[in-house]
């Protein structure tokens, strides 16, 4: 007799619900913190990911969105004088995104705000590393 797949399906549904719930809490947290700085959640995500000069494609990958969506966000940030586009040092077809001094200062304020009462702050650093490892393992099995 073959065991029922029902228990596994229930467990997977519950895990998917938990992961989705966490993603929603993180998105809400980012939206709330971004709003205090006059930013949209997408603008905050772009600034958070701008840890150094990068191409539009690199930023889009970090933000997990399409390059066309990233272009829209970067255009807005550029109009606010937070990001500049400069010639890429090794690829003359590409532009490199670079934070302006104002963008760097705002990014630092954003990172401080995002760390306060983060949904992940309920976990200690070791628990966060374990969760990260488990999520990386699941994502790598695609």
N, C-alpha and C. Protein backbone atom coordinates (compact mmCIF):
# COMPACT_ATOMS: atom_id res chain seq x y z
N UNK A 1 0.84 -1.18 0.00
CA UNK A 1 0.00 0.00 0.00
C UNK A 1 0.89 1.26 0.00
N UNK A 2 0.62 2.19 -0.91
CA UNK A 2 1.40 3.41 -1.04
C UNK A 2 0.92 4.44 -0.01
N UNK A 3 1.88 5.08 0.70
CA UNK A 3 1.45 6.10 1.67
C UNK A 3 0.81 7.29 0.98
N UNK A 4 -0.12 7.91 1.65
CA UNK A 4 -0.84 9.06 1.11
C UNK A 4 0.10 10.26 0.97
N UNK A 5 0.01 10.98 -0.15
CA UNK A 5 0.83 12.19 -0.32
C UNK A 5 0.27 13.38 0.47
N UNK A 6 -0.89 13.19 1.09
CA UNK A 6 -1.56 14.30 1.78
C UNK A 6 -0.72 14.96 2.88
N UNK A 7 -0.06 14.22 3.79
CA UNK A 7 0.73 14.89 4.82
C UNK A 7 1.84 15.78 4.25
N UNK A 8 2.49 15.30 3.20
CA UNK A 8 3.55 16.11 2.59
C UNK A 8 2.97 17.36 1.92
N UNK A 9 1.82 17.20 1.28
CA UNK A 9 1.18 18.35 0.63
C UNK A 9 0.77 19.39 1.67
N UNK A 10 0.28 18.95 2.80
CA UNK A 10 -0.11 19.87 3.86
C UNK A 10 1.12 20.60 4.40
N UNK A 11 2.19 19.85 4.63
CA UNK A 11 3.42 20.45 5.15
C UNK A 11 3.97 21.49 4.16
N UNK A 12 3.97 21.18 2.88
CA UNK A 12 4.46 22.13 1.88
C UNK A 12 3.58 23.36 1.81
N UNK A 13 2.26 23.16 1.89
CA UNK A 13 1.34 24.30 1.86
C UNK A 13 1.59 25.20 3.07
N UNK A 14 1.79 24.60 4.23
CA UNK A 14 2.05 25.39 5.44
C UNK A 14 3.36 26.16 5.33
N UNK A 15 4.42 25.50 4.82
CA UNK A 15 5.70 26.18 4.64
C UNK A 15 5.59 27.32 3.65
N UNK A 16 4.88 27.09 2.55
CA UNK A 16 4.69 28.15 1.55
C UNK A 16 3.95 29.33 2.18
N UNK A 17 2.97 29.04 2.99
CA UNK A 17 2.23 30.10 3.67
C UNK A 17 3.13 30.90 4.60
N UNK A 18 4.01 30.20 5.32
CA UNK A 18 4.92 30.89 6.24
C UNK A 18 5.92 31.76 5.49
N UNK A 19 6.50 31.22 4.42
CA UNK A 19 7.46 31.99 3.63
C UNK A 19 6.76 33.21 3.02
N UNK A 20 5.57 33.02 2.50
CA UNK A 20 4.81 34.14 1.93
C UNK A 20 4.48 35.17 3.01
N UNK A 21 4.09 34.71 4.19
CA UNK A 21 3.80 35.62 5.29
C UNK A 21 5.01 36.44 5.68
N UNK A 22 6.18 35.80 5.73
CA UNK A 22 7.41 36.52 6.05
C UNK A 22 7.71 37.56 4.96
N UNK A 23 7.58 37.16 3.71
CA UNK A 23 7.83 38.10 2.60
C UNK A 23 6.89 39.30 2.70
N UNK A 24 5.64 39.07 3.04
CA UNK A 24 4.69 40.17 3.18
C UNK A 24 5.06 41.09 4.34
N UNK A 25 5.48 40.51 5.46
CA UNK A 25 5.88 41.33 6.61
C UNK A 25 7.11 42.16 6.28
N UNK A 26 8.08 41.56 5.57
CA UNK A 26 9.28 42.31 5.18
C UNK A 26 8.90 43.44 4.22
N UNK A 27 8.04 43.14 3.23
CA UNK A 27 7.61 44.17 2.28
C UNK A 27 6.89 45.31 2.99
N UNK A 28 6.04 44.99 3.94
CA UNK A 28 5.34 46.02 4.71
C UNK A 28 6.33 46.87 5.51
N UNK A 29 7.28 46.21 6.12
CA UNK A 29 8.31 46.90 6.90
C UNK A 29 9.10 47.88 6.01
N UNK A 30 9.49 47.41 4.83
CA UNK A 30 10.24 48.27 3.90
C UNK A 30 9.37 49.44 3.46
N UNK A 31 8.10 49.17 3.12
CA UNK A 31 7.19 50.25 2.70
C UNK A 31 7.06 51.32 3.79
N UNK A 32 6.85 50.87 5.03
CA UNK A 32 6.69 51.83 6.13
C UNK A 32 7.95 52.67 6.34
N UNK A 33 9.10 52.02 6.35
CA UNK A 33 10.35 52.76 6.58
C UNK A 33 10.66 53.67 5.41
N UNK A 34 10.41 53.21 4.19
CA UNK A 34 10.66 54.02 2.99
C UNK A 34 9.80 55.28 3.02
N UNK A 35 8.55 55.14 3.42
CA UNK A 35 7.63 56.27 3.44
C UNK A 35 8.12 57.37 4.37
N UNK A 36 8.77 57.00 5.47
CA UNK A 36 9.27 58.02 6.40
C UNK A 36 10.37 58.87 5.76
N UNK A 37 10.99 58.34 4.71
CA UNK A 37 12.05 59.07 4.00
C UNK A 37 11.56 59.65 2.68
N UNK A 38 10.25 59.52 2.41
CA UNK A 38 9.70 60.05 1.17
C UNK A 38 10.02 59.19 -0.04
N UNK A 39 10.25 57.91 0.19
CA UNK A 39 10.59 56.97 -0.89
C UNK A 39 9.49 55.93 -1.07
N UNK A 40 9.42 55.38 -2.26
CA UNK A 40 8.57 54.21 -2.47
C UNK A 40 9.35 52.97 -2.04
N UNK A 41 8.65 51.87 -1.89
CA UNK A 41 9.32 50.62 -1.53
C UNK A 41 10.34 50.23 -2.59
N UNK A 42 10.03 50.45 -3.85
CA UNK A 42 10.97 50.11 -4.93
C UNK A 42 12.21 50.99 -4.89
N UNK A 43 12.02 52.25 -4.60
CA UNK A 43 13.18 53.14 -4.48
C UNK A 43 14.05 52.73 -3.29
N UNK A 44 13.40 52.36 -2.19
CA UNK A 44 14.15 51.91 -1.01
C UNK A 44 14.91 50.63 -1.33
N UNK A 45 14.27 49.72 -2.05
CA UNK A 45 14.95 48.47 -2.42
C UNK A 45 16.17 48.75 -3.28
N UNK A 46 16.04 49.68 -4.21
CA UNK A 46 17.17 50.03 -5.07
C UNK A 46 18.31 50.62 -4.25
N UNK A 47 17.98 51.55 -3.37
CA UNK A 47 19.03 52.16 -2.54
C UNK A 47 19.67 51.12 -1.62
N UNK A 48 18.87 50.24 -1.05
CA UNK A 48 19.41 49.19 -0.18
C UNK A 48 20.40 48.32 -0.93
N UNK A 49 20.12 48.02 -2.18
CA UNK A 49 20.98 47.13 -2.97
C UNK A 49 22.19 47.82 -3.56
N UNK A 50 22.21 49.14 -3.55
CA UNK A 50 23.32 49.90 -4.14
C UNK A 50 24.51 49.95 -3.18
N UNK A 51 25.16 48.82 -3.00
CA UNK A 51 26.31 48.73 -2.09
C UNK A 51 27.60 49.22 -2.74
N UNK A 52 27.51 49.57 -4.00
CA UNK A 52 28.66 50.07 -4.76
C UNK A 52 28.22 50.30 -6.19
N UNK A 53 29.11 50.80 -7.03
CA UNK A 53 28.75 51.00 -8.44
C UNK A 53 28.32 49.69 -9.08
N UNK A 54 27.30 49.76 -9.92
CA UNK A 54 26.82 48.56 -10.62
C UNK A 54 26.02 48.97 -11.85
N UNK A 55 25.84 48.01 -12.73
CA UNK A 55 25.05 48.26 -13.93
C UNK A 55 23.56 48.13 -13.59
N UNK A 56 22.75 48.60 -14.51
CA UNK A 56 21.30 48.48 -14.36
C UNK A 56 20.90 47.00 -14.25
N UNK A 57 21.53 46.16 -15.06
CA UNK A 57 21.22 44.73 -15.03
C UNK A 57 21.57 44.12 -13.66
N UNK A 58 22.71 44.51 -13.12
CA UNK A 58 23.10 44.00 -11.80
C UNK A 58 22.10 44.44 -10.73
N UNK A 59 21.67 45.69 -10.80
CA UNK A 59 20.70 46.18 -9.83
C UNK A 59 19.37 45.45 -9.99
N UNK A 60 18.95 45.23 -11.23
CA UNK A 60 17.70 44.51 -11.47
C UNK A 60 17.76 43.10 -10.87
N UNK A 61 18.90 42.42 -11.04
CA UNK A 61 19.05 41.08 -10.47
C UNK A 61 18.97 41.13 -8.96
N UNK A 62 19.63 42.10 -8.36
CA UNK A 62 19.59 42.23 -6.89
C UNK A 62 18.19 42.54 -6.39
N UNK A 63 17.44 43.31 -7.17
CA UNK A 63 16.08 43.68 -6.77
C UNK A 63 15.06 42.61 -7.16
N UNK A 64 15.50 41.59 -7.90
CA UNK A 64 14.62 40.52 -8.39
C UNK A 64 13.47 41.09 -9.21
N UNK A 65 13.82 41.96 -10.16
CA UNK A 65 12.79 42.50 -11.04
C UNK A 65 13.35 42.70 -12.44
N UNK A 66 12.48 43.04 -13.35
CA UNK A 66 12.86 43.24 -14.74
C UNK A 66 13.68 44.53 -14.89
N UNK A 67 14.65 44.53 -15.80
CA UNK A 67 15.44 45.75 -16.02
C UNK A 67 14.57 46.97 -16.36
N UNK A 68 13.46 46.77 -17.07
CA UNK A 68 12.61 47.92 -17.41
C UNK A 68 12.01 48.55 -16.16
N UNK A 69 11.64 47.73 -15.17
CA UNK A 69 11.12 48.27 -13.92
C UNK A 69 12.22 49.01 -13.16
N UNK A 70 13.42 48.46 -13.21
CA UNK A 70 14.55 49.08 -12.53
C UNK A 70 14.86 50.43 -13.18
N UNK A 71 14.76 50.50 -14.49
CA UNK A 71 15.01 51.77 -15.19
C UNK A 71 14.06 52.85 -14.69
N UNK A 72 12.79 52.50 -14.53
CA UNK A 72 11.80 53.46 -14.03
C UNK A 72 12.19 53.97 -12.64
N UNK A 73 12.59 53.05 -11.76
CA UNK A 73 12.98 53.42 -10.39
C UNK A 73 14.24 54.28 -10.41
N UNK A 74 15.22 53.87 -11.19
CA UNK A 74 16.48 54.63 -11.26
C UNK A 74 16.24 56.02 -11.85
N UNK A 75 15.36 56.12 -12.84
CA UNK A 75 15.03 57.44 -13.39
C UNK A 75 14.52 58.37 -12.30
N UNK A 76 13.65 57.86 -11.45
CA UNK A 76 13.11 58.67 -10.34
C UNK A 76 14.22 59.06 -9.37
N UNK A 77 15.07 58.10 -9.02
CA UNK A 77 16.17 58.39 -8.09
C UNK A 77 17.16 59.38 -8.69
N UNK A 78 17.36 59.28 -9.98
CA UNK A 78 18.26 60.22 -10.65
C UNK A 78 17.68 61.63 -10.64
N UNK A 79 16.36 61.75 -10.84
CA UNK A 79 15.71 63.06 -10.79
C UNK A 79 15.80 63.68 -9.40
N UNK A 80 15.92 62.83 -8.38
CA UNK A 80 16.05 63.30 -7.00
C UNK A 80 17.52 63.52 -6.63
N UNK A 81 18.40 63.37 -7.60
CA UNK A 81 19.85 63.53 -7.41
C UNK A 81 20.42 62.55 -6.39
N UNK A 82 19.89 61.33 -6.37
CA UNK A 82 20.37 60.30 -5.45
C UNK A 82 21.27 59.29 -6.14
N UNK A 83 21.09 59.15 -7.46
CA UNK A 83 21.90 58.22 -8.25
C UNK A 83 22.34 58.92 -9.52
N UNK A 84 23.57 58.64 -9.94
CA UNK A 84 24.06 59.16 -11.22
C UNK A 84 24.42 58.00 -12.13
N UNK A 85 24.38 58.24 -13.42
CA UNK A 85 24.79 57.24 -14.42
C UNK A 85 26.11 57.71 -15.02
N UNK A 86 27.10 56.83 -14.98
CA UNK A 86 28.43 57.17 -15.47
C UNK A 86 28.88 56.11 -16.47
N UNK A 87 29.81 56.47 -17.36
CA UNK A 87 30.34 55.46 -18.28
C UNK A 87 30.95 54.29 -17.50
N UNK A 88 30.69 53.09 -17.97
CA UNK A 88 31.27 51.89 -17.33
C UNK A 88 32.77 51.88 -17.63
N UNK A 89 33.61 51.55 -16.65
CA UNK A 89 35.06 51.61 -16.88
C UNK A 89 35.60 50.59 -17.88
N UNK A 90 34.89 49.46 -18.08
CA UNK A 90 35.41 48.43 -18.98
C UNK A 90 34.47 48.05 -20.11
N UNK A 91 33.21 48.50 -20.06
CA UNK A 91 32.23 48.16 -21.09
C UNK A 91 31.61 49.45 -21.61
N UNK A 92 32.06 49.89 -22.77
CA UNK A 92 31.59 51.18 -23.26
C UNK A 92 30.12 51.17 -23.68
N UNK A 93 29.50 49.97 -23.75
CA UNK A 93 28.07 49.91 -24.06
C UNK A 93 27.21 50.14 -22.82
N UNK A 94 27.80 49.97 -21.65
CA UNK A 94 27.03 50.01 -20.40
C UNK A 94 27.27 51.29 -19.63
N UNK A 95 26.29 51.61 -18.80
CA UNK A 95 26.42 52.71 -17.84
C UNK A 95 26.52 52.09 -16.45
N UNK A 96 27.23 52.78 -15.60
CA UNK A 96 27.36 52.34 -14.23
C UNK A 96 26.55 53.28 -13.34
N UNK A 97 25.76 52.69 -12.46
CA UNK A 97 24.98 53.47 -11.50
C UNK A 97 25.85 53.72 -10.28
N UNK A 98 25.87 54.96 -9.84
CA UNK A 98 26.68 55.35 -8.68
C UNK A 98 25.83 56.25 -7.80
N UNK A 99 25.86 55.99 -6.50
CA UNK A 99 25.15 56.86 -5.57
C UNK A 99 25.85 58.21 -5.49
N UNK A 100 25.07 59.25 -5.44
CA UNK A 100 25.61 60.59 -5.20
C UNK A 100 25.88 60.70 -3.69
N UNK A 101 26.56 61.75 -3.26
CA UNK A 101 26.74 61.93 -1.80
C UNK A 101 25.39 61.97 -1.07
N UNK A 102 24.38 62.62 -1.66
CA UNK A 102 23.05 62.66 -1.06
C UNK A 102 22.44 61.27 -1.02
N UNK A 103 22.65 60.50 -2.08
CA UNK A 103 22.14 59.13 -2.14
C UNK A 103 22.81 58.24 -1.11
N UNK A 104 24.10 58.42 -0.93
CA UNK A 104 24.84 57.64 0.07
C UNK A 104 24.32 57.95 1.47
N UNK A 105 24.11 59.22 1.77
CA UNK A 105 23.61 59.62 3.09
C UNK A 105 22.20 59.06 3.32
N UNK A 106 21.35 59.14 2.30
CA UNK A 106 19.99 58.62 2.44
C UNK A 106 20.00 57.10 2.59
N UNK A 107 20.87 56.43 1.85
CA UNK A 107 20.99 54.97 1.97
C UNK A 107 21.38 54.58 3.39
N UNK A 108 22.31 55.31 3.97
CA UNK A 108 22.74 55.00 5.34
C UNK A 108 21.59 55.18 6.32
N UNK A 109 20.81 56.25 6.17
CA UNK A 109 19.63 56.45 7.02
C UNK A 109 18.62 55.33 6.83
N UNK A 110 18.42 54.93 5.57
CA UNK A 110 17.49 53.85 5.26
C UNK A 110 17.92 52.55 5.92
N UNK A 111 19.19 52.20 5.80
CA UNK A 111 19.68 50.95 6.39
C UNK A 111 19.48 50.93 7.90
N UNK A 112 19.68 52.06 8.55
CA UNK A 112 19.43 52.14 10.00
C UNK A 112 17.96 51.91 10.29
N UNK A 113 17.08 52.57 9.53
CA UNK A 113 15.64 52.41 9.74
C UNK A 113 15.18 50.97 9.48
N UNK A 114 15.72 50.35 8.43
CA UNK A 114 15.32 48.98 8.10
C UNK A 114 15.73 47.99 9.19
N UNK A 115 16.80 48.29 9.91
CA UNK A 115 17.26 47.38 10.96
C UNK A 115 16.41 47.46 12.22
N UNK A 116 15.69 48.57 12.39
CA UNK A 116 14.87 48.75 13.59
C UNK A 116 13.57 47.95 13.45
N UNK A 117 13.34 47.06 14.38
CA UNK A 117 12.13 46.24 14.41
C UNK A 117 11.90 45.44 13.13
N UNK A 118 12.97 45.02 12.50
CA UNK A 118 12.85 44.19 11.30
C UNK A 118 12.14 42.89 11.65
N UNK A 119 11.33 42.35 10.75
CA UNK A 119 10.70 41.05 11.02
C UNK A 119 11.72 39.96 11.33
N UNK A 120 12.92 40.10 10.82
CA UNK A 120 13.95 39.09 11.06
C UNK A 120 14.70 39.31 12.37
N UNK A 121 14.46 40.44 13.03
CA UNK A 121 15.16 40.70 14.29
C UNK A 121 14.68 39.80 15.42
N UNK A 122 13.59 39.07 15.19
CA UNK A 122 13.13 38.10 16.19
C UNK A 122 14.09 36.91 16.27
N UNK A 123 14.95 36.78 15.25
CA UNK A 123 15.94 35.70 15.21
C UNK A 123 17.30 36.25 15.61
N UNK A 124 18.05 35.47 16.38
CA UNK A 124 19.42 35.90 16.70
C UNK A 124 20.29 35.64 15.46
N UNK A 125 21.52 36.18 15.44
CA UNK A 125 22.37 36.04 14.25
C UNK A 125 22.57 34.58 13.81
N UNK A 126 22.74 33.67 14.74
CA UNK A 126 22.91 32.25 14.39
C UNK A 126 21.64 31.71 13.72
N UNK A 127 20.48 32.04 14.25
CA UNK A 127 19.22 31.59 13.66
C UNK A 127 19.03 32.19 12.27
N UNK A 128 19.45 33.43 12.10
CA UNK A 128 19.37 34.06 10.78
C UNK A 128 20.27 33.33 9.78
N UNK A 129 21.47 32.92 10.22
CA UNK A 129 22.38 32.18 9.33
C UNK A 129 21.77 30.83 8.95
N UNK A 130 21.14 30.16 9.91
CA UNK A 130 20.51 28.87 9.63
C UNK A 130 19.38 29.05 8.63
N UNK A 131 18.53 30.05 8.86
CA UNK A 131 17.42 30.32 7.94
C UNK A 131 17.96 30.64 6.55
N UNK A 132 18.98 31.46 6.49
CA UNK A 132 19.58 31.81 5.19
C UNK A 132 20.09 30.56 4.48
N UNK A 133 20.79 29.71 5.21
CA UNK A 133 21.31 28.47 4.62
C UNK A 133 20.19 27.58 4.09
N UNK A 134 19.13 27.45 4.85
CA UNK A 134 18.00 26.62 4.41
C UNK A 134 17.33 27.21 3.17
N UNK A 135 17.13 28.52 3.16
CA UNK A 135 16.52 29.16 2.00
C UNK A 135 17.43 29.04 0.77
N UNK A 136 18.72 29.24 0.95
CA UNK A 136 19.65 29.08 -0.18
C UNK A 136 19.61 27.65 -0.71
N UNK A 137 19.52 26.68 0.18
CA UNK A 137 19.47 25.28 -0.22
C UNK A 137 18.22 25.00 -1.05
N UNK A 138 17.09 25.53 -0.61
CA UNK A 138 15.83 25.33 -1.34
C UNK A 138 15.88 26.00 -2.70
N UNK A 139 16.39 27.22 -2.73
CA UNK A 139 16.42 27.98 -3.99
C UNK A 139 17.41 27.33 -4.98
N UNK A 140 18.50 26.79 -4.48
CA UNK A 140 19.52 26.19 -5.35
C UNK A 140 19.03 24.91 -6.02
N UNK A 141 17.97 24.30 -5.51
CA UNK A 141 17.49 23.02 -6.07
C UNK A 141 16.55 23.23 -7.25
N UNK A 142 16.43 24.45 -7.73
CA UNK A 142 15.52 24.73 -8.85
C UNK A 142 15.85 23.96 -10.07
